[in-house]
Amino acid sequence: MAPTLTARQVYGTSNIGILEVQFNGTWGRVCDDGFNNNSAAVACRMLGFSSSRSVALSGNFQSTAHTSPPIVLDDLNCTGNEPTLALCQHSPFFQHDCQHSEDVALFCNLSSTGGAPSIAIRLVGGSDAMSGRVEVNINGIWGTVCDDDFTNIDAMVVCRQLGLPFNGATAIGSSYFGAGSGPILLDDVNCQGTESSISRCLYSSTHNCQHTEDVGVRCSTGSIKTNVNYKRH
């Protein structure tokens, strides 16, 4: 019988965060030594997410400031089909040669058994209701969206979620509608264009942005224009 192992994500938002596991009543971290996307797929399934497009984000994911938990697992080697990390090959529990700068973080597909998180959205600072700075509300907090890789496809989803015309939606970066003052809640938004809500898109809940990079959109009818794509700085 496999050991009982429970998983959770901390210091992130919903589908992104530092991976922690509980063994014999003790919560701790997982070292990134040997940890790959097969291991990430198993961990995401334990968390209730689809295993597809699971990505291991190793090291320095807000972890250096939280160095008290022990490191429970090291040298994980999964095939990707295991129902639990406990059935993957790994070093003995709590035996490792790692620092917390090597803590594993996960990015799991938002197609989860529990559904995507709720993200409210609004446009601020525009001259009319069809345009403005994109602001989102997560867990009761309003904040902005970074323009890194934000395209007209992503703008379409924003406008659709707001119930506005979206076929000719345009992304406008570099805080065109003014810089926000709250936290930057989303970065690296990547939508397919068919989603009903930005919460269904891939995104990062951590960022490397300033409010000078707050993205805005202009909603309109018509065909999609050439995508605007603001690259990472």
Protein backbone atom coordinates (compact mmCIF):
# COMPACT_ATOMS: atom_id res chain seq x y z
CA MET A 1 0.00 0.00 0.00
CA ALA A 2 1.28 3.44 -0.94
CA PRO A 3 1.95 5.94 1.85
CA THR A 4 -0.79 8.52 2.37
CA LEU A 5 0.22 11.76 0.74
CA THR A 6 -1.92 14.92 0.48
CA ALA A 7 -1.11 17.89 -1.78
CA ARG A 8 -1.95 21.59 -1.81
CA GLN A 9 -0.70 24.82 -3.42
CA VAL A 10 0.28 27.91 -1.42
CA TYR A 11 1.36 31.51 -2.13
CA GLY A 12 -0.40 31.52 -5.50
CA THR A 13 -3.85 31.80 -7.03
CA SER A 14 -6.01 28.74 -7.72
CA ASN A 15 -4.06 26.86 -10.39
CA ILE A 16 -0.62 28.36 -9.71
CA GLY A 17 1.42 28.10 -6.53
CA ILE A 18 4.15 26.41 -4.53
CA LEU A 19 3.53 22.67 -4.21
CA GLU A 20 3.28 21.35 -0.65
CA VAL A 21 2.65 17.77 0.41
CA GLN A 22 1.63 16.30 3.75
CA PHE A 23 3.23 13.10 5.02
CA ASN A 24 2.50 11.69 8.51
CA GLY A 25 0.79 14.93 9.51
CA THR A 26 3.63 17.24 8.44
CA TRP A 27 3.31 19.70 5.54
CA GLY A 28 6.39 20.56 3.53
CA ARG A 29 7.85 21.35 0.14
CA VAL A 30 9.04 19.37 -2.88
CA CYS A 31 12.53 19.87 -4.30
CA ASP A 32 12.86 20.47 -8.04
CA ASP A 33 15.66 17.90 -8.46
CA GLY A 34 14.38 15.54 -11.17
CA PHE A 35 10.92 17.10 -11.07
CA ASN A 36 9.55 17.41 -14.61
CA ASN A 37 6.21 17.85 -16.35
CA ASN A 38 5.31 14.18 -15.80
CA SER A 39 5.59 14.79 -12.07
CA ALA A 40 3.65 18.03 -12.48
CA ALA A 41 0.84 16.14 -14.23
CA VAL A 42 0.52 13.76 -11.26
CA ALA A 43 0.59 16.62 -8.75
CA CYS A 44 -2.05 18.60 -10.65
CA ARG A 45 -4.37 15.59 -10.74
CA MET A 46 -3.94 15.21 -6.97
CA LEU A 47 -5.05 18.86 -6.70
CA GLY A 48 -8.16 18.20 -8.80
CA PHE A 49 -6.94 19.71 -12.06
CA SER A 50 -6.60 18.23 -15.51
CA SER A 51 -3.09 16.91 -16.09
CA SER A 52 -2.80 18.47 -19.53
CA ARG A 53 -0.58 21.54 -19.90
CA SER A 54 0.72 21.12 -16.35
CA VAL A 55 4.09 22.85 -15.99
CA ALA A 56 6.66 22.65 -13.24
CA LEU A 57 7.97 26.10 -12.30
CA SER A 58 11.10 25.42 -10.33
CA GLY A 59 12.76 27.72 -7.85
CA ASN A 60 12.22 31.15 -6.33
CA PHE A 61 8.41 31.30 -6.68
CA GLN A 62 7.88 33.52 -3.64
CA SER A 63 9.51 30.74 -1.65
CA THR A 64 12.68 32.32 -0.31
CA ALA A 65 10.67 34.35 2.23
CA HIS A 66 8.92 31.24 3.53
CA THR A 67 11.70 28.92 4.59
CA SER A 68 10.23 27.23 7.68
CA PRO A 69 8.49 24.16 6.15
CA PRO A 70 10.63 21.03 5.79
CA ILE A 71 11.40 19.58 2.38
CA VAL A 72 9.42 16.34 2.21
CA LEU A 73 10.22 14.97 -1.26
CA ASP A 74 13.29 15.03 -3.48
CA ASP A 75 14.38 13.30 -6.71
CA LEU A 76 10.84 12.62 -7.88
CA ASN A 77 10.62 10.53 -11.05
CA CYS A 78 7.06 9.95 -12.29
CA THR A 79 5.81 8.39 -15.51
CA GLY A 80 2.84 10.77 -15.45
CA ASN A 81 0.21 8.05 -14.98
CA GLU A 82 0.45 7.59 -11.22
CA PRO A 83 -2.60 8.59 -9.13
CA THR A 84 -0.37 10.04 -6.39
CA LEU A 85 3.19 11.32 -6.03
CA ALA A 86 3.69 8.68 -3.36
CA LEU A 87 3.75 6.02 -6.10
CA CYS A 88 6.48 7.78 -8.07
CA GLN A 89 10.13 6.99 -7.52
CA HIS A 90 11.65 9.39 -4.98
CA SER A 91 14.21 9.67 -2.22
CA PRO A 92 13.13 8.62 1.28
CA PHE A 93 10.74 11.15 2.82
CA PHE A 94 12.50 14.18 4.34
CA GLN A 95 15.89 13.15 2.88
CA HIS A 96 17.24 15.71 0.40
CA ASP A 97 20.16 17.93 -0.60
CA CYS A 98 18.08 21.02 -1.45
CA GLN A 99 17.48 24.62 -0.42
CA HIS A 100 14.12 26.38 -0.44
CA SER A 101 15.24 28.27 -3.54
CA GLU A 102 14.61 24.90 -5.25
CA ASP A 103 11.00 24.57 -4.08
CA VAL A 104 8.73 23.34 -6.87
CA ALA A 105 5.79 25.45 -8.04
CA LEU A 106 3.06 24.30 -10.41
CA PHE A 107 1.02 25.77 -13.23
CA CYS A 108 -1.99 23.48 -13.76
CA ASN A 109 -4.56 23.53 -16.54
CA LEU A 110 -7.64 25.49 -15.50
CA SER A 111 -9.90 22.69 -16.79
CA SER A 112 -10.38 21.30 -13.31
CA THR A 113 -12.94 19.10 -11.67
CA GLY A 114 -13.87 22.06 -9.50
CA GLY A 115 -14.17 24.54 -12.37
CA ALA A 116 -12.22 27.70 -13.02
CA PRO A 117 -11.93 30.34 -10.31
CA SER A 118 -14.33 33.27 -10.44
CA ILE A 119 -12.73 36.43 -11.81
CA ALA A 120 -14.86 39.55 -12.12
CA ILE A 121 -13.77 42.17 -14.63
CA ARG A 122 -14.35 45.85 -15.42
CA LEU A 123 -13.02 48.64 -17.67
CA VAL A 124 -11.76 51.82 -15.99
CA GLY A 125 -10.61 55.19 -17.32
CA GLY A 126 -12.06 55.04 -20.83
CA SER A 127 -14.12 57.75 -22.49
CA ASP A 128 -17.10 55.38 -22.76
CA ALA A 129 -18.27 51.96 -21.59
CA MET A 130 -16.56 50.26 -24.55
CA SER A 131 -12.96 50.96 -23.54
CA GLY A 132 -10.70 51.34 -20.55
CA ARG A 133 -8.00 49.82 -18.37
CA VAL A 134 -8.70 46.16 -17.62
CA GLU A 135 -9.21 45.51 -13.93
CA VAL A 136 -10.04 42.13 -12.39
CA ASN A 137 -11.34 41.08 -9.00
CA ILE A 138 -9.92 37.95 -7.38
CA ASN A 139 -10.95 37.00 -3.86
CA GLY A 140 -12.52 40.42 -3.30
CA ILE A 141 -9.48 42.44 -4.41
CA TRP A 142 -9.46 44.62 -7.53
CA GLY A 143 -6.23 44.90 -9.48
CA THR A 144 -4.80 45.36 -12.96
CA VAL A 145 -3.53 43.10 -15.75
CA CYS A 146 -0.03 43.34 -17.19
CA ASP A 147 0.31 43.85 -20.94
CA ASP A 148 3.00 41.16 -21.34
CA ASP A 149 1.91 38.98 -24.30
CA PHE A 150 -1.64 40.40 -24.08
CA THR A 151 -3.12 40.32 -27.60
CA ASN A 152 -6.33 41.20 -29.39
CA ILE A 153 -7.42 37.59 -28.85
CA ASP A 154 -7.25 38.17 -25.09
CA ALA A 155 -9.11 41.48 -25.55
CA MET A 156 -11.91 39.58 -27.31
CA VAL A 157 -12.41 37.40 -24.23
CA VAL A 158 -12.49 40.44 -21.93
CA CYS A 159 -15.14 42.14 -24.07
CA ARG A 160 -17.18 38.95 -24.40
CA GLN A 161 -17.16 38.47 -20.62
CA LEU A 162 -18.43 42.05 -20.21
CA GLY A 163 -21.22 41.47 -22.72
CA LEU A 164 -19.75 44.03 -25.13
CA PRO A 165 -19.07 43.72 -28.88
CA PHE A 166 -15.87 41.72 -29.22
CA ASN A 167 -15.14 40.73 -32.84
CA GLY A 168 -12.98 43.81 -33.40
CA ALA A 169 -11.60 44.11 -29.87
CA THR A 170 -8.19 45.74 -29.56
CA ALA A 171 -5.56 45.37 -26.84
CA ILE A 172 -3.86 48.64 -25.84
CA GLY A 173 -0.86 48.43 -23.52
CA SER A 174 1.56 50.73 -21.72
CA SER A 175 -1.13 52.11 -19.36
CA TYR A 176 -2.85 53.95 -22.22
CA PHE A 177 -5.93 54.47 -20.02
CA GLY A 178 -3.89 55.46 -17.00
CA ALA A 179 -1.92 53.47 -14.48
CA GLY A 180 -3.80 51.57 -11.80
CA SER A 181 -3.03 51.84 -8.11
CA GLY A 182 -3.92 48.38 -6.82
CA PRO A 183 -2.01 45.12 -7.14
CA ILE A 184 -1.15 43.60 -10.52
CA LEU A 185 -3.16 40.38 -10.38
CA LEU A 186 -2.65 38.75 -13.79
CA ASP A 187 0.30 38.46 -16.15
CA ASP A 188 1.10 36.47 -19.30
CA VAL A 189 -2.58 36.03 -20.20
CA ASN A 190 -2.96 33.52 -23.04
CA CYS A 191 -6.49 32.94 -24.38
CA GLN A 192 -7.65 30.92 -27.36
CA GLY A 193 -10.37 33.50 -28.09
CA THR A 194 -13.36 31.22 -27.51
CA GLU A 195 -13.42 31.42 -23.71
CA SER A 196 -16.45 32.93 -21.97
CA SER A 197 -14.30 34.38 -19.19
CA ILE A 198 -10.67 35.35 -18.68
CA SER A 199 -10.65 32.83 -15.83
CA ARG A 200 -10.75 30.10 -18.51
CA CYS A 201 -7.53 31.36 -20.11
CA LEU A 202 -4.00 30.45 -19.15
CA TYR A 203 -2.31 33.14 -17.05
CA SER A 204 0.23 33.72 -14.32
CA SER A 205 -0.75 35.09 -10.93
CA THR A 206 2.79 36.38 -10.36
CA HIS A 207 4.35 39.09 -12.49
CA ASN A 208 7.45 41.11 -13.35
CA CYS A 209 5.55 44.27 -14.28
CA GLN A 210 5.01 47.88 -13.28
CA HIS A 211 1.74 49.81 -13.52
CA THR A 212 3.19 51.52 -16.60
CA GLU A 213 2.41 48.17 -18.27
CA ASP A 214 -1.28 48.01 -17.29
CA VAL A 215 -3.26 46.78 -20.27
CA GLY A 216 -6.48 48.24 -21.62
CA VAL A 217 -8.93 47.18 -24.30
CA ARG A 218 -11.27 48.80 -26.77
CA CYS A 219 -14.34 46.69 -27.57
CA SER A 220 -15.95 46.94 -31.01
CA THR A 221 -17.65 45.00 -33.77
CA GLY A 222 -16.04 44.02 -37.06
CA SER A 223 -13.21 41.69 -37.96
CA ILE A 224 -10.19 41.16 -35.73
CA LYS A 225 -7.33 43.51 -36.50
CA THR A 226 -3.70 42.46 -36.50
CA ASN A 227 -2.88 41.26 -33.02
CA VAL A 228 -1.18 43.63 -30.66
CA ASN A 229 1.37 41.65 -28.66
CA TYR A 230 3.24 43.26 -25.80
CA LYS A 231 6.37 41.23 -25.10
CA ARG A 232 7.96 40.64 -21.74
CA HIS A 233 10.49 43.18 -20.60
